[in-house]
Protein backbone atom coordinates (compact mmCIF):
# COMPACT_ATOMS: atom_id res chain seq x y z
CA MET A 1 -30.67 -68.89 -12.12
CA ALA A 2 -28.78 -65.30 -10.75
CA GLN A 3 -30.30 -62.12 -10.71
CA PHE A 4 -28.90 -59.40 -12.63
CA PRO A 5 -29.45 -55.03 -13.20
CA PRO A 6 -31.98 -54.11 -15.61
CA MET A 7 -30.47 -53.63 -19.19
CA LYS A 8 -29.89 -50.13 -19.56
CA ASN A 9 -28.66 -50.61 -23.38
CA ASP A 10 -30.58 -53.26 -24.83
CA LEU A 11 -29.98 -52.54 -28.53
CA LEU A 12 -27.95 -55.56 -29.54
CA LEU A 13 -31.03 -57.71 -27.97
CA ARG A 14 -33.64 -56.20 -29.50
CA ALA A 15 -31.67 -56.14 -33.18
CA ALA A 16 -30.89 -60.04 -32.28
CA ARG A 17 -34.61 -60.85 -31.70
CA GLY A 18 -35.67 -58.92 -34.97
CA GLU A 19 -37.10 -55.97 -34.01
CA LYS A 20 -36.42 -52.50 -35.51
CA VAL A 21 -33.82 -50.62 -33.97
CA GLU A 22 -32.79 -47.02 -34.03
CA ARG A 23 -29.26 -48.03 -35.47
CA PRO A 24 -26.90 -50.57 -35.83
CA PRO A 25 -25.32 -52.37 -32.39
CA MET A 26 -22.23 -52.08 -32.46
CA TRP A 27 -19.08 -54.63 -31.03
CA VAL A 28 -15.97 -56.28 -32.26
CA MET A 29 -14.89 -59.20 -32.38
CA ARG A 30 -11.82 -59.89 -29.94
CA GLN A 31 -12.30 -56.79 -28.77
CA ALA A 32 -10.69 -57.61 -25.51
CA GLY A 33 -7.14 -58.05 -26.29
CA ARG A 34 -3.63 -57.21 -26.54
CA TYR A 35 -3.86 -54.16 -28.13
CA LEU A 36 -5.10 -52.24 -24.91
CA PRO A 37 -2.09 -51.39 -22.74
CA GLU A 38 -4.41 -52.17 -19.42
CA TYR A 39 -4.71 -55.82 -20.98
CA HIS A 40 -1.19 -56.52 -20.47
CA GLU A 41 -1.41 -55.00 -16.81
CA ALA A 42 -4.19 -57.60 -15.93
CA LYS A 43 -2.37 -60.74 -17.29
CA GLY A 44 0.74 -60.19 -15.97
CA SER A 45 2.91 -63.15 -15.98
CA HIS A 46 -0.60 -65.58 -16.33
CA ASP A 47 -0.43 -67.06 -20.10
CA PHE A 48 -3.64 -67.09 -22.04
CA PHE A 49 -5.26 -70.35 -20.40
CA GLU A 50 -4.61 -69.37 -16.86
CA CYS A 51 -6.57 -65.84 -17.75
CA CYS A 52 -9.59 -67.82 -19.06
CA ARG A 53 -10.07 -70.36 -16.08
CA SER A 54 -9.51 -67.01 -13.72
CA PRO A 55 -13.10 -65.66 -13.29
CA GLU A 56 -11.64 -62.45 -11.89
CA ILE A 57 -9.08 -61.97 -14.68
CA ALA A 58 -10.99 -62.75 -17.38
CA SER A 59 -14.26 -60.79 -16.00
CA THR A 60 -11.57 -58.36 -15.91
CA LEU A 61 -10.06 -58.42 -19.20
CA THR A 62 -14.06 -58.71 -20.63
CA LEU A 63 -15.25 -55.30 -19.42
CA GLN A 64 -11.60 -53.29 -19.93
CA PRO A 65 -12.74 -52.21 -23.86
CA ILE A 66 -16.44 -51.79 -22.31
CA ASP A 67 -14.68 -49.16 -19.86
CA ARG A 68 -12.50 -47.69 -22.10
CA TYR A 69 -15.26 -46.94 -25.02
CA ALA A 70 -17.88 -46.39 -23.24
CA GLY A 71 -20.82 -45.66 -24.67
CA LEU A 72 -19.33 -46.93 -28.10
CA ILE A 73 -19.49 -50.36 -27.58
CA ASP A 74 -23.36 -52.44 -27.31
CA GLY A 75 -22.07 -55.93 -26.35
CA SER A 76 -19.42 -57.38 -23.93
CA ILE A 77 -17.51 -60.59 -24.91
CA ILE A 78 -16.57 -62.74 -22.61
CA PHE A 79 -12.79 -63.26 -22.31
CA SER A 80 -12.30 -66.98 -23.42
CA ASP A 81 -11.41 -69.50 -25.49
CA ILE A 82 -13.36 -72.07 -27.95
CA LEU A 83 -10.32 -74.35 -26.98
CA VAL A 84 -11.63 -75.13 -23.74
CA ILE A 85 -14.18 -78.00 -25.27
CA PRO A 86 -10.87 -80.50 -26.17
CA GLN A 87 -9.47 -79.21 -22.77
CA ALA A 88 -12.61 -80.86 -21.20
CA MET A 89 -12.67 -83.72 -23.00
CA GLY A 90 -8.93 -84.26 -22.05
CA MET A 91 -6.57 -82.72 -24.72
CA GLU A 92 -3.37 -80.50 -23.94
CA VAL A 93 -3.59 -77.20 -25.41
CA ILE A 94 -1.05 -74.38 -25.17
CA MET A 95 -1.19 -70.48 -26.69
CA VAL A 96 2.14 -69.72 -28.15
CA ASP A 97 3.40 -66.62 -28.28
CA LYS A 98 2.61 -64.93 -31.86
CA LYS A 99 1.78 -68.45 -33.11
CA GLY A 100 -1.89 -68.87 -31.51
CA PRO A 101 -3.05 -72.33 -30.25
CA HIS A 102 -1.02 -76.05 -30.64
CA PHE A 103 -1.87 -79.08 -29.66
CA PRO A 104 1.44 -80.66 -28.88
CA ASP A 105 -0.63 -84.53 -29.00
CA PRO A 106 -2.98 -83.83 -32.04
CA LEU A 107 -5.00 -86.67 -32.98
CA MET A 108 -3.27 -89.09 -35.84
CA SER A 109 -6.15 -91.60 -35.80
CA PRO A 110 -8.82 -93.57 -34.04
CA ASP A 111 -6.04 -96.24 -32.90
CA ASP A 112 -4.63 -93.38 -30.68
CA LYS A 113 -5.32 -94.14 -27.16
CA GLN A 114 -6.04 -90.74 -26.90
CA TYR A 115 -8.66 -91.31 -29.57
CA GLN A 116 -10.21 -93.96 -27.64
CA GLU A 117 -9.97 -92.51 -23.95
CA ILE A 118 -12.02 -89.00 -25.47
CA MET A 119 -14.52 -91.06 -26.82
CA GLU A 120 -14.65 -93.46 -23.46
CA ARG A 121 -14.45 -90.05 -20.97
CA GLU A 122 -17.36 -89.07 -19.50
CA VAL A 123 -16.76 -85.46 -19.70
CA ASP A 124 -18.64 -83.03 -16.67
CA VAL A 125 -19.17 -79.97 -18.20
CA LYS A 126 -20.52 -78.17 -15.67
CA GLU A 127 -17.67 -78.82 -12.95
CA SER A 128 -15.08 -79.38 -15.93
CA LEU A 129 -15.91 -75.57 -17.28
CA ASP A 130 -16.97 -74.16 -14.07
CA TYR A 131 -14.56 -71.50 -14.80
CA VAL A 132 -16.37 -70.06 -17.70
CA TYR A 133 -19.65 -69.97 -16.00
CA LYS A 134 -18.55 -67.91 -12.97
CA ALA A 135 -16.59 -65.59 -15.15
CA ILE A 136 -19.37 -64.91 -17.02
CA THR A 137 -22.37 -64.15 -13.51
CA LEU A 138 -19.34 -62.16 -12.50
CA THR A 139 -19.15 -60.18 -15.79
CA ARG A 140 -23.00 -59.81 -15.67
CA GLN A 141 -22.98 -58.31 -12.37
CA LYS A 142 -19.95 -55.91 -12.74
CA LEU A 143 -21.71 -54.78 -15.94
CA ASP A 144 -24.79 -53.43 -14.58
CA GLY A 145 -26.70 -53.69 -17.45
CA ARG A 146 -24.47 -51.05 -19.23
CA VAL A 147 -24.13 -54.04 -22.67
CA PRO A 148 -25.50 -57.54 -23.06
CA LEU A 149 -23.03 -60.50 -22.46
CA TYR A 150 -21.76 -62.43 -25.33
CA GLY A 151 -20.73 -65.93 -24.27
CA PHE A 152 -19.43 -67.91 -27.98
CA CYS A 153 -18.54 -71.79 -28.06
CA GLY A 154 -16.39 -73.36 -31.28
CA ALA A 155 -18.51 -75.28 -33.92
CA PRO A 156 -17.99 -78.85 -33.64
CA TRP A 157 -16.33 -79.14 -37.43
CA THR A 158 -14.11 -76.08 -35.75
CA LEU A 159 -13.05 -78.18 -32.67
CA LEU A 160 -12.57 -81.11 -34.53
CA SER A 161 -9.94 -79.71 -36.88
CA TYR A 162 -8.31 -78.06 -34.28
CA MET A 163 -7.64 -81.65 -32.70
CA VAL A 164 -6.62 -83.71 -35.39
CA GLU A 165 -4.28 -80.52 -37.31
CA GLY A 166 -3.18 -79.42 -34.17
CA GLY A 167 -3.30 -75.56 -34.37
CA GLY A 168 -4.89 -73.37 -36.87
CA THR A 169 -4.86 -74.18 -40.89
CA LYS A 170 -5.55 -72.69 -43.68
CA MET A 171 -5.36 -75.96 -45.95
CA PHE A 172 -7.37 -78.57 -43.69
CA LYS A 173 -5.11 -81.24 -45.06
CA GLN A 174 -4.98 -83.47 -42.08
CA VAL A 175 -8.95 -83.38 -40.93
CA LYS A 176 -9.93 -84.21 -44.84
CA THR A 177 -7.43 -86.77 -44.87
CA TRP A 178 -9.18 -87.83 -41.37
CA ILE A 179 -13.08 -87.80 -42.04
CA PHE A 180 -11.91 -89.59 -45.58
CA LYS A 181 -10.20 -92.29 -44.04
CA TYR A 182 -12.69 -92.67 -40.87
CA PRO A 183 -16.12 -91.49 -41.55
CA GLU A 184 -17.50 -93.48 -39.01
CA GLU A 185 -15.14 -92.84 -36.32
CA SER A 186 -15.67 -88.96 -37.15
CA LYS A 187 -19.35 -88.69 -36.70
CA LYS A 188 -18.56 -90.42 -33.57
CA LEU A 189 -16.18 -87.63 -32.60
CA LEU A 190 -18.24 -84.82 -33.88
CA GLN A 191 -21.61 -86.00 -32.29
CA LYS A 192 -19.68 -86.02 -28.94
CA ILE A 193 -18.47 -82.48 -29.02
CA ALA A 194 -21.87 -81.28 -30.44
CA GLU A 195 -23.56 -82.86 -27.42
CA LEU A 196 -21.03 -81.02 -25.20
CA CYS A 197 -21.20 -77.67 -26.86
CA VAL A 198 -24.90 -77.88 -26.92
CA GLU A 199 -24.53 -78.51 -23.13
CA TYR A 200 -21.95 -75.77 -22.60
CA LEU A 201 -23.91 -73.38 -24.30
CA ALA A 202 -27.03 -74.13 -22.09
CA LEU A 203 -24.75 -73.49 -19.01
CA GLN A 204 -23.72 -70.02 -20.32
CA VAL A 205 -27.43 -68.57 -20.45
CA VAL A 206 -27.84 -70.08 -17.03
CA ALA A 207 -25.00 -68.67 -15.93
CA GLY A 208 -25.89 -65.58 -17.46
CA ALA A 209 -24.93 -65.05 -20.92
CA GLN A 210 -27.60 -63.13 -23.11
CA VAL A 211 -26.45 -63.78 -27.25
CA HIS A 212 -24.12 -66.80 -28.47
CA LEU A 213 -21.30 -66.15 -31.15
CA THR A 214 -20.42 -69.69 -33.23
CA HIS A 215 -16.92 -69.70 -34.47
CA SER A 216 -17.05 -71.83 -37.42
CA PHE A 217 -14.46 -72.86 -39.91
CA HIS A 218 -15.84 -73.05 -43.34
CA LEU A 219 -14.06 -75.23 -46.27
CA ALA A 220 -15.04 -76.64 -49.63
CA LEU A 221 -15.13 -80.94 -49.18
CA SER A 222 -15.34 -81.69 -53.16
């Protein structure tokens, strides 16, 4: 495990451990992004996932709100996306401007060739998502202990929803139909996603992540 500078602001870490703190720690979900003019400059002509796959660009984007709002934010969130897991599983995901993530070829049924390929694919999480770990390590070094670094991952149900729906959803129509029609196949796929997520998060810790977020959809299945 890499060696990092000592923490100068560990408020978030102490709060996460349940310790009594002098004030609530402050951070903002999606605090790095397009509302910052420097984001557009650093992003340039690269698309979203190209930025995620470049440790240097991802690190730069992660640090922008920390630099701009120095002393006001108590945590830094690595610039990445929850859908790097489906990408590592072999699915194509693109980021559509003003719409969000889109799967050109979502899962339609367990009879799909794609479903079989996903289930049979041996995913090397360490190798296929190495760019995330490099971005985390680089960012920890650049932070120089100013604030802790968040890693994150999508929850298995959230990732399955994207993989079946083909993008964001409010109704969950396709994925609810999927798990109703294919309960055993759903369990197998969710199990595989969960195992990949666990390994992914563990490797983020090795790379330097100090605390984690989990992105999760919630819905009633009654």
